[in-house]
Amino acid sequence: MRQTHFRHRILQQPTSVRSILEDTRSKPASTSIKTTITGLLVAALMMLSGCSNQPSERAILLSIDAMNESILRQYLTEDEAPALYRVFDHGACADFAVPAFPSVTSAGHASLWTGTYGNRSNVTANSQHVLPRDQYTVMEMQSGYSHERLSAEPIWITLGKLGLPVAGH
């Protein structure tokens, strides 16, 4: 089964609740109270959705630079890449995606991890000038893959704060 906009639903859900609560400041009192109550109910339902005797589902985010399902199927047989074929055949894949701008690997991965664009994550290129530029040379560039560049909270930190088990490689 294919799910469109899979990443958007997962990463934007907490932001949506936050935006509901933040929007109450600019509305009349009766609307503000209704919106606040609605926001609190949504937040409570989200928290309670984890309180179940059902076995928990696992989410695995796999990002392979410059490869999609059609490229894999065109160049590799199922015998050559059985695990990736299983992911594409039985996992959830985005049918459509708009890459973060600029569409370079480190900025794209930072957007996946944080749900933000480069202006918030501080990762805008694979190799970035150290600021202020007039105090550093081009030889002192910093890798866009370095954790030191990341200024937005990645999803594994958010999930860890919520007490959920997280692993990364």
N, C-alpha and C. Protein backbone atom coordinates (compact mmCIF):
# COMPACT_ATOMS: atom_id res chain seq x y z
N MET A 1 0.84 -1.18 0.00
CA MET A 1 0.00 0.00 0.00
C MET A 1 0.88 1.25 0.00
N ARG A 2 0.63 2.17 -0.86
CA ARG A 2 1.40 3.41 -0.96
C ARG A 2 0.72 4.51 -0.14
N GLN A 3 1.51 5.32 0.51
CA GLN A 3 0.97 6.45 1.26
C GLN A 3 1.62 7.72 0.75
N THR A 4 0.81 8.64 0.29
CA THR A 4 1.33 9.90 -0.21
C THR A 4 1.62 10.84 0.94
N HIS A 5 2.67 11.60 0.82
CA HIS A 5 3.07 12.61 1.80
C HIS A 5 3.26 12.00 3.19
N PHE A 6 3.86 10.81 3.25
CA PHE A 6 4.11 10.10 4.51
C PHE A 6 4.91 10.95 5.49
N ARG A 7 6.02 11.57 5.03
CA ARG A 7 6.86 12.37 5.91
C ARG A 7 6.09 13.56 6.45
N HIS A 8 5.30 14.19 5.60
CA HIS A 8 4.57 15.39 6.02
C HIS A 8 3.63 15.07 7.19
N ARG A 9 2.89 13.97 7.10
CA ARG A 9 1.96 13.63 8.17
C ARG A 9 2.67 13.41 9.49
N ILE A 10 3.79 12.69 9.47
CA ILE A 10 4.48 12.37 10.72
C ILE A 10 5.15 13.59 11.32
N LEU A 11 5.91 14.34 10.53
CA LEU A 11 6.69 15.44 11.08
C LEU A 11 5.86 16.67 11.37
N GLN A 12 4.76 16.87 10.67
CA GLN A 12 4.00 18.10 10.85
C GLN A 12 2.92 17.97 11.92
N GLN A 13 2.61 16.79 12.39
CA GLN A 13 1.53 16.64 13.35
C GLN A 13 1.74 17.47 14.61
N PRO A 14 2.89 17.41 15.30
CA PRO A 14 3.08 18.25 16.49
C PRO A 14 3.03 19.73 16.16
N THR A 15 3.55 20.14 15.02
CA THR A 15 3.53 21.54 14.63
C THR A 15 2.10 22.02 14.46
N SER A 16 1.22 21.17 13.92
CA SER A 16 -0.16 21.56 13.72
C SER A 16 -0.86 21.87 15.03
N VAL A 17 -0.64 21.07 16.06
CA VAL A 17 -1.24 21.32 17.36
C VAL A 17 -0.69 22.62 17.93
N ARG A 18 0.62 22.82 17.83
CA ARG A 18 1.24 24.04 18.33
C ARG A 18 0.65 25.26 17.62
N SER A 19 0.48 25.16 16.30
CA SER A 19 -0.05 26.31 15.55
C SER A 19 -1.50 26.59 15.93
N ILE A 20 -2.27 25.56 16.24
CA ILE A 20 -3.65 25.77 16.69
C ILE A 20 -3.64 26.59 17.97
N LEU A 21 -2.79 26.23 18.90
CA LEU A 21 -2.74 26.93 20.18
C LEU A 21 -2.17 28.33 20.02
N GLU A 22 -1.20 28.54 19.15
CA GLU A 22 -0.61 29.86 18.95
C GLU A 22 -1.57 30.80 18.22
N ASP A 23 -2.42 30.29 17.35
CA ASP A 23 -3.35 31.12 16.60
C ASP A 23 -4.44 31.72 17.48
N THR A 24 -4.60 31.25 18.70
CA THR A 24 -5.68 31.74 19.55
C THR A 24 -5.48 33.18 19.99
N ARG A 25 -4.27 33.69 19.95
CA ARG A 25 -4.00 35.05 20.41
C ARG A 25 -4.69 36.11 19.57
N SER A 26 -4.88 35.87 18.30
CA SER A 26 -5.42 36.88 17.40
C SER A 26 -6.92 36.75 17.16
N LYS A 27 -7.62 35.89 17.88
CA LYS A 27 -9.03 35.66 17.62
C LYS A 27 -9.88 36.16 18.78
N PRO A 28 -11.19 36.42 18.53
CA PRO A 28 -12.07 36.82 19.63
C PRO A 28 -12.12 35.76 20.71
N ALA A 29 -12.50 36.16 21.92
CA ALA A 29 -12.45 35.27 23.09
C ALA A 29 -13.22 33.97 22.88
N SER A 30 -14.45 34.04 22.34
CA SER A 30 -15.24 32.81 22.19
C SER A 30 -14.58 31.85 21.20
N THR A 31 -14.10 32.38 20.09
CA THR A 31 -13.39 31.55 19.12
C THR A 31 -12.10 31.03 19.71
N SER A 32 -11.42 31.89 20.46
CA SER A 32 -10.16 31.51 21.07
C SER A 32 -10.34 30.35 22.05
N ILE A 33 -11.38 30.40 22.85
CA ILE A 33 -11.64 29.33 23.83
C ILE A 33 -11.96 28.03 23.11
N LYS A 34 -12.82 28.10 22.09
CA LYS A 34 -13.17 26.90 21.32
C LYS A 34 -11.93 26.30 20.66
N THR A 35 -11.12 27.16 20.09
CA THR A 35 -9.90 26.68 19.43
C THR A 35 -8.94 26.07 20.43
N THR A 36 -8.82 26.69 21.60
CA THR A 36 -7.93 26.17 22.63
C THR A 36 -8.41 24.80 23.11
N ILE A 37 -9.71 24.67 23.35
CA ILE A 37 -10.26 23.39 23.79
C ILE A 37 -10.05 22.33 22.70
N THR A 38 -10.31 22.70 21.45
CA THR A 38 -10.09 21.77 20.34
C THR A 38 -8.63 21.35 20.28
N GLY A 39 -7.73 22.32 20.40
CA GLY A 39 -6.29 22.02 20.38
C GLY A 39 -5.88 21.10 21.50
N LEU A 40 -6.41 21.34 22.70
CA LEU A 40 -6.08 20.49 23.85
C LEU A 40 -6.63 19.08 23.66
N LEU A 41 -7.84 18.97 23.10
CA LEU A 41 -8.41 17.64 22.84
C LEU A 41 -7.58 16.89 21.81
N VAL A 42 -7.17 17.59 20.76
CA VAL A 42 -6.32 16.95 19.74
C VAL A 42 -5.01 16.48 20.37
N ALA A 43 -4.40 17.34 21.20
CA ALA A 43 -3.14 16.97 21.86
C ALA A 43 -3.35 15.77 22.77
N ALA A 44 -4.46 15.76 23.53
CA ALA A 44 -4.73 14.64 24.43
C ALA A 44 -4.94 13.34 23.65
N LEU A 45 -5.67 13.41 22.54
CA LEU A 45 -5.88 12.22 21.72
C LEU A 45 -4.58 11.71 21.13
N MET A 46 -3.70 12.64 20.75
CA MET A 46 -2.40 12.22 20.21
C MET A 46 -1.60 11.48 21.28
N MET A 47 -1.64 11.99 22.51
CA MET A 47 -0.89 11.34 23.59
C MET A 47 -1.51 9.99 23.94
N LEU A 48 -2.85 9.94 23.96
CA LEU A 48 -3.52 8.69 24.32
C LEU A 48 -3.39 7.62 23.25
N SER A 49 -3.13 8.04 22.02
CA SER A 49 -3.00 7.06 20.95
C SER A 49 -1.83 6.12 21.21
N GLY A 50 -0.88 6.54 22.02
CA GLY A 50 0.25 5.68 22.37
C GLY A 50 -0.06 4.74 23.53
N CYS A 51 -1.20 4.95 24.22
CA CYS A 51 -1.57 4.13 25.37
C CYS A 51 -2.46 2.99 24.90
N SER A 52 -1.86 1.90 24.50
CA SER A 52 -2.62 0.79 23.95
C SER A 52 -1.90 -0.51 24.26
N ASN A 53 -2.67 -1.58 24.35
CA ASN A 53 -2.07 -2.89 24.54
C ASN A 53 -1.63 -3.50 23.21
N GLN A 54 -1.94 -2.82 22.11
CA GLN A 54 -1.53 -3.29 20.81
C GLN A 54 -0.01 -3.20 20.68
N PRO A 55 0.61 -4.12 19.98
CA PRO A 55 2.05 -3.98 19.75
C PRO A 55 2.33 -2.71 18.96
N SER A 56 3.38 -2.01 19.33
CA SER A 56 3.69 -0.76 18.65
C SER A 56 4.27 -1.03 17.27
N GLU A 57 3.97 -0.13 16.35
CA GLU A 57 4.52 -0.23 15.01
C GLU A 57 5.84 0.50 14.98
N ARG A 58 6.70 0.09 14.09
CA ARG A 58 7.99 0.74 13.95
C ARG A 58 8.00 1.54 12.66
N ALA A 59 8.66 2.66 12.73
CA ALA A 59 8.86 3.47 11.52
C ALA A 59 10.35 3.49 11.23
N ILE A 60 10.68 3.20 10.00
CA ILE A 60 12.08 3.25 9.57
C ILE A 60 12.14 4.23 8.41
N LEU A 61 12.97 5.25 8.57
CA LEU A 61 13.16 6.23 7.51
C LEU A 61 14.44 5.87 6.78
N LEU A 62 14.31 5.58 5.50
CA LEU A 62 15.45 5.20 4.68
C LEU A 62 15.59 6.24 3.57
N SER A 63 16.74 6.87 3.51
CA SER A 63 17.01 7.85 2.46
C SER A 63 18.28 7.46 1.74
N ILE A 64 18.16 7.23 0.45
CA ILE A 64 19.32 6.86 -0.36
C ILE A 64 19.48 7.95 -1.41
N ASP A 65 20.60 8.63 -1.37
CA ASP A 65 20.84 9.78 -2.23
C ASP A 65 20.74 9.40 -3.71
N ALA A 66 19.94 10.16 -4.45
CA ALA A 66 19.81 10.05 -5.91
C ALA A 66 19.25 8.71 -6.38
N MET A 67 18.50 8.02 -5.54
CA MET A 67 17.90 6.76 -5.97
C MET A 67 16.43 6.74 -5.59
N ASN A 68 15.62 6.26 -6.49
CA ASN A 68 14.22 6.03 -6.18
C ASN A 68 13.86 4.62 -6.65
N GLU A 69 12.61 4.27 -6.46
CA GLU A 69 12.17 2.91 -6.77
C GLU A 69 12.39 2.55 -8.23
N SER A 70 12.08 3.45 -9.14
CA SER A 70 12.21 3.12 -10.57
C SER A 70 13.67 2.90 -10.96
N ILE A 71 14.59 3.67 -10.38
CA ILE A 71 16.01 3.47 -10.67
C ILE A 71 16.47 2.11 -10.14
N LEU A 72 16.05 1.78 -8.92
CA LEU A 72 16.42 0.48 -8.35
C LEU A 72 15.94 -0.65 -9.24
N ARG A 73 14.68 -0.61 -9.62
CA ARG A 73 14.10 -1.70 -10.41
C ARG A 73 14.71 -1.76 -11.82
N GLN A 74 15.16 -0.64 -12.33
CA GLN A 74 15.76 -0.60 -13.66
C GLN A 74 17.16 -1.22 -13.67
N TYR A 75 17.93 -1.01 -12.61
CA TYR A 75 19.34 -1.41 -12.63
C TYR A 75 19.68 -2.63 -11.77
N LEU A 76 18.82 -3.00 -10.83
CA LEU A 76 19.11 -4.15 -9.97
C LEU A 76 17.95 -5.13 -9.99
N THR A 77 18.27 -6.41 -9.98
CA THR A 77 17.23 -7.44 -9.90
C THR A 77 16.87 -7.66 -8.43
N GLU A 78 15.77 -8.37 -8.22
CA GLU A 78 15.36 -8.67 -6.85
C GLU A 78 16.40 -9.55 -6.15
N ASP A 79 17.09 -10.40 -6.89
CA ASP A 79 18.15 -11.23 -6.30
C ASP A 79 19.34 -10.39 -5.85
N GLU A 80 19.61 -9.28 -6.54
CA GLU A 80 20.75 -8.43 -6.20
C GLU A 80 20.47 -7.49 -5.03
N ALA A 81 19.20 -7.14 -4.81
CA ALA A 81 18.84 -6.21 -3.73
C ALA A 81 17.53 -6.63 -3.08
N PRO A 82 17.48 -7.84 -2.47
CA PRO A 82 16.22 -8.34 -1.94
C PRO A 82 15.64 -7.47 -0.82
N ALA A 83 16.48 -6.94 0.05
CA ALA A 83 15.97 -6.13 1.16
C ALA A 83 15.33 -4.83 0.65
N LEU A 84 15.96 -4.19 -0.32
CA LEU A 84 15.39 -2.95 -0.86
C LEU A 84 14.10 -3.23 -1.62
N TYR A 85 14.03 -4.34 -2.33
CA TYR A 85 12.78 -4.72 -3.00
C TYR A 85 11.67 -4.93 -1.96
N ARG A 86 11.98 -5.55 -0.83
CA ARG A 86 10.98 -5.74 0.23
C ARG A 86 10.50 -4.40 0.77
N VAL A 87 11.44 -3.46 0.94
CA VAL A 87 11.05 -2.12 1.42
C VAL A 87 10.08 -1.48 0.43
N PHE A 88 10.41 -1.51 -0.86
CA PHE A 88 9.54 -0.89 -1.85
C PHE A 88 8.22 -1.65 -2.02
N ASP A 89 8.24 -2.97 -1.89
CA ASP A 89 7.02 -3.76 -2.08
C ASP A 89 6.08 -3.72 -0.87
N HIS A 90 6.64 -3.58 0.34
CA HIS A 90 5.81 -3.69 1.55
C HIS A 90 5.85 -2.47 2.45
N GLY A 91 6.70 -1.52 2.17
CA GLY A 91 6.81 -0.32 3.00
C GLY A 91 5.95 0.81 2.46
N ALA A 92 5.97 1.91 3.16
CA ALA A 92 5.26 3.11 2.73
C ALA A 92 6.25 4.03 2.04
N CYS A 93 5.90 4.45 0.85
CA CYS A 93 6.76 5.36 0.07
C CYS A 93 5.95 6.58 -0.33
N ALA A 94 6.62 7.70 -0.43
CA ALA A 94 5.95 8.91 -0.91
C ALA A 94 5.81 8.79 -2.42
N ASP A 95 4.60 8.99 -2.92
CA ASP A 95 4.37 8.96 -4.36
C ASP A 95 4.88 10.25 -5.01
N PHE A 96 4.98 11.30 -4.23
CA PHE A 96 5.37 12.60 -4.75
C PHE A 96 6.12 13.34 -3.65
N ALA A 97 7.18 13.99 -4.00
CA ALA A 97 7.94 14.77 -3.02
C ALA A 97 8.52 16.00 -3.68
N VAL A 98 8.54 17.08 -2.94
CA VAL A 98 9.20 18.30 -3.39
C VAL A 98 10.43 18.45 -2.51
N PRO A 99 11.62 18.43 -3.11
CA PRO A 99 12.83 18.51 -2.29
C PRO A 99 12.98 19.89 -1.66
N ALA A 100 13.70 19.92 -0.55
CA ALA A 100 14.05 21.20 0.06
C ALA A 100 14.97 21.94 -0.89
N PHE A 101 14.99 23.25 -0.78
CA PHE A 101 15.87 24.05 -1.63
C PHE A 101 17.03 24.55 -0.80
N PRO A 102 18.24 24.47 -1.27
CA PRO A 102 18.65 23.87 -2.53
C PRO A 102 18.61 22.35 -2.43
N SER A 103 18.41 21.69 -3.55
CA SER A 103 18.25 20.24 -3.53
C SER A 103 19.61 19.55 -3.55
N VAL A 104 20.31 19.68 -2.44
CA VAL A 104 21.58 18.99 -2.23
C VAL A 104 21.40 18.03 -1.06
N THR A 105 22.23 17.03 -0.99
CA THR A 105 22.04 15.94 -0.04
C THR A 105 21.95 16.39 1.41
N SER A 106 22.91 17.14 1.90
CA SER A 106 22.91 17.48 3.32
C SER A 106 21.70 18.33 3.70
N ALA A 107 21.33 19.29 2.86
CA ALA A 107 20.16 20.12 3.15
C ALA A 107 18.87 19.30 3.10
N GLY A 108 18.79 18.38 2.13
CA GLY A 108 17.61 17.51 2.04
C GLY A 108 17.47 16.60 3.24
N HIS A 109 18.58 16.01 3.68
CA HIS A 109 18.52 15.14 4.85
C HIS A 109 18.20 15.93 6.10
N ALA A 110 18.77 17.13 6.25
CA ALA A 110 18.45 17.96 7.41
C ALA A 110 16.97 18.32 7.43
N SER A 111 16.37 18.53 6.26
CA SER A 111 14.94 18.82 6.19
C SER A 111 14.11 17.60 6.59
N LEU A 112 14.55 16.41 6.18
CA LEU A 112 13.85 15.19 6.60
C LEU A 112 13.93 15.02 8.11
N TRP A 113 15.09 15.26 8.69
CA TRP A 113 15.29 15.05 10.13
C TRP A 113 14.55 16.05 10.99
N THR A 114 14.44 17.30 10.50
CA THR A 114 13.92 18.37 11.34
C THR A 114 12.54 18.86 10.93
N GLY A 115 12.13 18.58 9.69
CA GLY A 115 10.86 19.11 9.22
C GLY A 115 10.93 20.59 8.89
N THR A 116 12.15 21.14 8.76
CA THR A 116 12.32 22.56 8.47
C THR A 116 13.16 22.73 7.21
N TYR A 117 13.14 23.93 6.69
CA TYR A 117 14.02 24.28 5.57
C TYR A 117 15.35 24.78 6.11
N GLY A 118 16.29 25.02 5.21
CA GLY A 118 17.63 25.43 5.58
C GLY A 118 17.72 26.71 6.38
N ASN A 119 16.76 27.62 6.18
CA ASN A 119 16.79 28.86 6.95
C ASN A 119 16.54 28.62 8.44
N ARG A 120 15.94 27.50 8.80
CA ARG A 120 15.73 27.15 10.21
C ARG A 120 16.72 26.10 10.70
N SER A 121 17.08 25.15 9.83
CA SER A 121 18.00 24.08 10.25
C SER A 121 19.46 24.53 10.20
N ASN A 122 19.73 25.60 9.44
CA ASN A 122 21.08 26.14 9.26
C ASN A 122 21.94 25.26 8.36
N VAL A 123 21.33 24.31 7.66
CA VAL A 123 22.06 23.47 6.71
C VAL A 123 21.52 23.81 5.32
N THR A 124 22.36 24.47 4.53
CA THR A 124 21.92 24.94 3.21
C THR A 124 22.79 24.43 2.07
N ALA A 125 23.86 23.72 2.39
CA ALA A 125 24.76 23.22 1.35
C ALA A 125 25.56 22.05 1.89
N ASN A 126 26.15 21.28 0.99
CA ASN A 126 27.02 20.18 1.43
C ASN A 126 28.30 20.70 2.07
N SER A 127 28.73 21.88 1.66
CA SER A 127 29.90 22.53 2.21
C SER A 127 29.56 24.01 2.34
N GLN A 128 29.69 24.57 3.54
CA GLN A 128 29.21 25.92 3.79
C GLN A 128 30.31 26.83 4.32
N HIS A 129 30.21 28.10 3.95
CA HIS A 129 31.14 29.09 4.47
C HIS A 129 30.87 29.29 5.96
N VAL A 130 31.94 29.48 6.71
CA VAL A 130 31.80 29.82 8.12
C VAL A 130 31.55 31.32 8.19
N LEU A 131 30.59 31.71 9.00
CA LEU A 131 30.23 33.13 9.11
C LEU A 131 30.86 33.76 10.35
N PRO A 132 31.12 35.05 10.34
CA PRO A 132 31.00 35.97 9.23
C PRO A 132 32.09 35.73 8.19
N ARG A 133 31.72 35.79 6.92
CA ARG A 133 32.61 35.40 5.83
C ARG A 133 33.88 36.25 5.75
N ASP A 134 33.82 37.51 6.17
CA ASP A 134 35.01 38.35 6.08
C ASP A 134 36.08 37.97 7.10
N GLN A 135 35.76 37.08 8.03
CA GLN A 135 36.73 36.66 9.04
C GLN A 135 37.29 35.26 8.77
N TYR A 136 36.81 34.60 7.72
CA TYR A 136 37.25 33.24 7.41
C TYR A 136 37.58 33.13 5.93
N THR A 137 38.45 32.20 5.60
CA THR A 137 38.80 31.97 4.19
C THR A 137 37.96 30.83 3.63
N VAL A 138 38.02 30.66 2.32
CA VAL A 138 37.29 29.58 1.66
C VAL A 138 37.82 28.22 2.11
N MET A 139 39.05 28.17 2.60
CA MET A 139 39.64 26.92 3.09
C MET A 139 39.05 26.50 4.44
N GLU A 140 38.32 27.39 5.08
CA GLU A 140 37.75 27.10 6.40
C GLU A 140 36.26 26.78 6.30
N MET A 141 35.85 26.19 5.21
CA MET A 141 34.45 25.84 5.05
C MET A 141 34.07 24.72 6.00
N GLN A 142 32.79 24.67 6.33
CA GLN A 142 32.30 23.67 7.26
C GLN A 142 31.37 22.71 6.52
N SER A 143 31.47 21.45 6.85
CA SER A 143 30.66 20.42 6.20
C SER A 143 29.19 20.58 6.56
N GLY A 144 28.32 20.49 5.56
CA GLY A 144 26.89 20.50 5.80
C GLY A 144 26.40 19.23 6.47
N TYR A 145 27.25 18.23 6.55
CA TYR A 145 26.91 16.96 7.21
C TYR A 145 27.27 16.98 8.69
N SER A 146 27.94 18.02 9.13
CA SER A 146 28.39 18.11 10.52
C SER A 146 27.22 18.45 11.44
N HIS A 147 27.17 17.78 12.58
CA HIS A 147 26.12 18.07 13.56
C HIS A 147 26.24 19.50 14.09
N GLU A 148 27.41 20.09 13.97
CA GLU A 148 27.61 21.45 14.46
C GLU A 148 26.79 22.47 13.69
N ARG A 149 26.45 22.19 12.44
CA ARG A 149 25.66 23.12 11.63
C ARG A 149 24.18 23.09 12.02
N LEU A 150 23.70 21.97 12.47
CA LEU A 150 22.26 21.78 12.69
C LEU A 150 21.76 22.63 13.85
N SER A 151 20.82 23.52 13.57
CA SER A 151 20.27 24.38 14.62
C SER A 151 18.81 24.06 14.95
N ALA A 152 18.18 23.16 14.21
CA ALA A 152 16.82 22.73 14.50
C ALA A 152 16.88 21.33 15.11
N GLU A 153 15.92 21.03 15.95
CA GLU A 153 15.92 19.74 16.65
C GLU A 153 15.56 18.60 15.70
N PRO A 154 16.43 17.60 15.57
CA PRO A 154 16.10 16.45 14.72
C PRO A 154 15.07 15.55 15.39
N ILE A 155 14.38 14.78 14.58
CA ILE A 155 13.26 13.97 15.06
C ILE A 155 13.69 12.96 16.13
N TRP A 156 14.92 12.43 16.06
CA TRP A 156 15.33 11.44 17.06
C TRP A 156 15.49 12.08 18.43
N ILE A 157 15.82 13.34 18.51
CA ILE A 157 15.90 14.03 19.81
C ILE A 157 14.49 14.25 20.34
N THR A 158 13.58 14.70 19.48
CA THR A 158 12.19 14.92 19.88
C THR A 158 11.57 13.62 20.40
N LEU A 159 11.76 12.53 19.67
CA LEU A 159 11.20 11.24 20.09
C LEU A 159 11.85 10.74 21.36
N GLY A 160 13.16 10.94 21.50
CA GLY A 160 13.85 10.55 22.73
C GLY A 160 13.31 11.30 23.93
N LYS A 161 13.01 12.59 23.78
CA LYS A 161 12.43 13.38 24.87
C LYS A 161 11.05 12.87 25.26
N LEU A 162 10.36 12.27 24.29
CA LEU A 162 9.04 11.70 24.56
C LEU A 162 9.12 10.29 25.14
N GLY A 163 10.35 9.80 25.31
CA GLY A 163 10.54 8.47 25.88
C GLY A 163 10.42 7.34 24.88
N LEU A 164 10.43 7.64 23.61
CA LEU A 164 10.32 6.59 22.59
C LEU A 164 11.70 6.10 22.20
N PRO A 165 11.86 4.80 21.98
CA PRO A 165 13.17 4.29 21.58
C PRO A 165 13.50 4.71 20.15
N VAL A 166 14.72 5.16 19.95
CA VAL A 166 15.16 5.65 18.65
C VAL A 166 16.56 5.12 18.38
N ALA A 167 16.82 4.78 17.13
CA ALA A 167 18.17 4.36 16.73
C ALA A 167 18.50 5.04 15.42
N GLY A 168 19.76 5.25 15.16
CA GLY A 168 20.18 5.86 13.91
C GLY A 168 21.50 5.30 13.46
N HIS A 169 21.73 5.35 12.17
CA HIS A 169 23.01 4.88 11.64
C HIS A 169 23.40 5.74 10.47
